[in-house]
Protein backbone atom coordinates (compact mmCIF):
# COMPACT_ATOMS: atom_id res chain seq x y z
CA UNK A 1 0.03 -0.05 -0.03
CA UNK A 2 1.50 3.25 -1.02
CA UNK A 3 0.73 6.85 0.00
CA UNK A 4 -0.42 7.54 -3.47
CA UNK A 5 -3.19 4.83 -3.20
CA UNK A 6 -4.32 6.41 0.06
CA UNK A 7 -4.50 9.90 -1.27
CA UNK A 8 -6.41 8.78 -4.39
CA UNK A 9 -8.82 6.73 -2.19
CA UNK A 10 -9.48 9.68 0.18
CA UNK A 11 -10.03 12.05 -2.69
CA UNK A 12 -12.52 9.60 -4.28
CA UNK A 13 -14.19 9.06 -0.85
CA UNK A 14 -14.61 12.83 -0.38
CA UNK A 15 -16.07 13.12 -3.87
CA UNK A 16 -18.59 10.31 -3.27
CA UNK A 17 -19.73 11.69 0.13
CA UNK A 18 -20.03 15.28 -1.12
CA UNK A 19 -21.78 14.39 -4.39
CA UNK A 20 -24.22 11.86 -3.12
CA UNK A 21 -26.33 14.51 -1.19
CA UNK A 22 -26.39 16.77 -4.15
CA UNK A 23 -27.29 13.95 -6.51
CA UNK A 24 -30.04 12.42 -4.39
CA UNK A 25 -31.50 15.35 -2.47
CA UNK A 26 -30.98 18.58 -4.40
CA UNK A 27 -31.03 17.41 -7.98
CA UNK A 28 -33.38 14.52 -7.23
CA UNK A 29 -31.79 12.16 -9.75
CA UNK A 30 -32.34 8.94 -7.85
CA UNK A 31 -29.85 7.09 -5.66
CA UNK A 32 -26.23 7.64 -6.44
CA UNK A 33 -25.32 4.69 -4.11
CA UNK A 34 -28.41 2.71 -4.29
CA UNK A 35 -27.20 -0.82 -3.49
CA UNK A 36 -24.34 -2.82 -2.07
CA UNK A 37 -22.58 -2.77 -5.41
CA UNK A 38 -22.84 0.82 -6.68
CA UNK A 39 -22.51 1.33 -10.37
CA UNK A 40 -20.79 4.64 -9.79
CA UNK A 41 -17.78 2.96 -8.26
CA UNK A 42 -17.58 0.32 -10.94
CA UNK A 43 -17.79 3.04 -13.53
CA UNK A 44 -14.88 4.92 -11.97
CA UNK A 45 -12.96 1.59 -12.04
CA UNK A 46 -13.56 1.00 -15.72
CA UNK A 47 -12.67 4.58 -16.50
CA UNK A 48 -9.50 4.33 -14.59
CA UNK A 49 -8.50 0.96 -16.05
CA UNK A 50 -9.45 1.71 -19.60
CA UNK A 51 -8.63 5.50 -20.02
CA UNK A 52 -6.56 7.02 -17.24
CA UNK A 53 -4.05 4.23 -16.61
CA UNK A 54 -2.99 3.85 -20.24
CA UNK A 55 -2.59 7.66 -20.55
CA UNK A 56 -0.42 7.69 -17.37
CA UNK A 57 1.63 4.83 -18.89
CA UNK A 58 2.18 6.75 -22.01
CA UNK A 59 3.17 9.95 -20.17
CA UNK A 60 5.61 8.20 -17.91
CA UNK A 61 6.00 4.50 -17.04
CA UNK A 62 6.33 5.10 -13.29
CA UNK A 63 3.10 7.10 -13.10
CA UNK A 64 1.00 4.07 -13.94
CA UNK A 65 -1.12 2.67 -11.06
CA UNK A 66 -0.40 -0.74 -10.03
CA UNK A 67 -3.36 -3.23 -9.55
CA UNK A 68 -2.74 -3.21 -5.70
CA UNK A 69 -3.12 0.55 -5.62
CA UNK A 70 -6.34 0.42 -7.61
CA UNK A 71 -7.68 -2.25 -5.22
CA UNK A 72 -6.97 -0.15 -2.17
CA UNK A 73 -8.72 2.85 -3.73
CA UNK A 74 -11.67 0.68 -4.72
CA UNK A 75 -12.07 -0.85 -1.23
CA UNK A 76 -12.03 2.67 0.26
CA UNK A 77 -14.70 3.80 -2.12
CA UNK A 78 -16.82 0.70 -1.37
CA UNK A 79 -16.49 1.37 2.43
CA UNK A 80 -17.44 5.03 2.11
CA UNK A 81 -20.52 4.20 -0.05
CA UNK A 82 -22.34 2.94 3.03
CA UNK A 83 -22.22 6.24 4.75
CA UNK A 84 -24.03 8.77 2.59
CA UNK A 85 -26.57 6.57 0.93
CA UNK A 86 -29.55 4.87 2.46
CA UNK A 87 -27.31 2.27 4.15
CA UNK A 88 -26.35 4.41 7.12
CA UNK A 89 -28.17 7.68 7.19
CA UNK A 90 -31.44 6.16 6.09
CA UNK A 91 -31.58 3.05 8.29
CA UNK A 92 -29.46 3.81 11.39
CA UNK A 93 -31.61 6.65 12.93
CA UNK A 94 -34.75 4.64 12.32
CA UNK A 95 -33.28 1.57 14.01
CA UNK A 96 -32.11 3.56 17.03
CA UNK A 97 -35.48 5.19 17.54
CA UNK A 98 -37.42 2.04 17.06
CA UNK A 99 -35.84 0.60 20.21
CA UNK A 100 -37.26 3.41 22.27
CA UNK A 101 -40.72 3.10 20.59
């Protein structure tokens, strides 16, 4: 695990958390993170593998992301997808109040 993978994962996590509220509540476009396998994260992965990584390889060979770095970033994005969507903020408050009811 490199510092580059952690930084890219944190940037992606901040993007998902900040854009999910806008996407779901303000623009009312549906659920950005609607299930346990969000299509948004897989779309970013395909874009990274098919477009960004070959361009980085053409620019300089050392800039290319290794598969382990992509896996670290992907797992960070999957972990953070449970927070802004219905998984945590939609279900957790109801579950805690239901015990008192």
